[in-house]
């Protein structure tokens, strides 16, 4: 049972990390595009 849980954890965490990274990148790119369109610096 412990081996199965560890295996599931090892296989699932990259999917979770990818989802979080995708969300952060999508938000950054959206803000970057809006600031560029408005002629402002992103910082």
Protein backbone atom coordinates (compact mmCIF):
# COMPACT_ATOMS: atom_id res chain seq x y z
CA UNK A 1 0.00 0.00 0.00
CA UNK A 2 2.79 2.43 0.91
CA UNK A 3 4.56 1.69 -2.38
CA UNK A 4 1.40 2.40 -4.37
CA UNK A 5 0.87 5.75 -2.61
CA UNK A 6 4.48 6.76 -3.17
CA UNK A 7 4.25 5.79 -6.83
CA UNK A 8 1.04 7.80 -7.29
CA UNK A 9 2.63 10.81 -5.57
CA UNK A 10 5.74 10.65 -7.76
CA UNK A 11 3.61 10.42 -10.90
CA UNK A 12 1.09 13.12 -9.92
CA UNK A 13 3.29 15.92 -8.56
CA UNK A 14 4.75 16.89 -11.98
CA UNK A 15 1.20 17.37 -13.26
CA UNK A 16 0.37 19.65 -10.31
CA UNK A 17 3.60 21.63 -10.73
CA UNK A 18 2.96 21.99 -14.47
CA UNK A 19 -0.53 23.34 -13.78
CA UNK A 20 0.76 25.90 -11.29
CA UNK A 21 3.59 26.97 -13.61
CA UNK A 22 1.16 27.28 -16.54
CA UNK A 23 -1.15 29.49 -14.43
CA UNK A 24 1.71 31.77 -13.35
CA UNK A 25 3.10 32.07 -16.88
CA UNK A 26 -0.31 32.74 -18.38
CA UNK A 27 -0.93 35.55 -15.88
CA UNK A 28 2.50 37.05 -16.52
CA UNK A 29 2.06 36.99 -20.28
CA UNK A 30 -1.38 38.57 -19.97
CA UNK A 31 -0.02 41.38 -17.79
CA UNK A 32 2.94 41.84 -20.13
CA UNK A 33 0.68 42.14 -23.17
CA UNK A 34 -1.60 44.64 -21.41
CA UNK A 35 1.30 46.81 -20.26
CA UNK A 36 2.86 46.72 -23.71
CA UNK A 37 -0.44 47.71 -25.31
CA UNK A 38 -0.78 50.62 -22.84
CA UNK A 39 2.84 51.69 -23.41
CA UNK A 40 3.89 51.10 -19.79
CA UNK A 41 6.76 49.20 -18.26
CA UNK A 42 5.76 45.92 -16.65
CA UNK A 43 7.77 46.75 -13.54
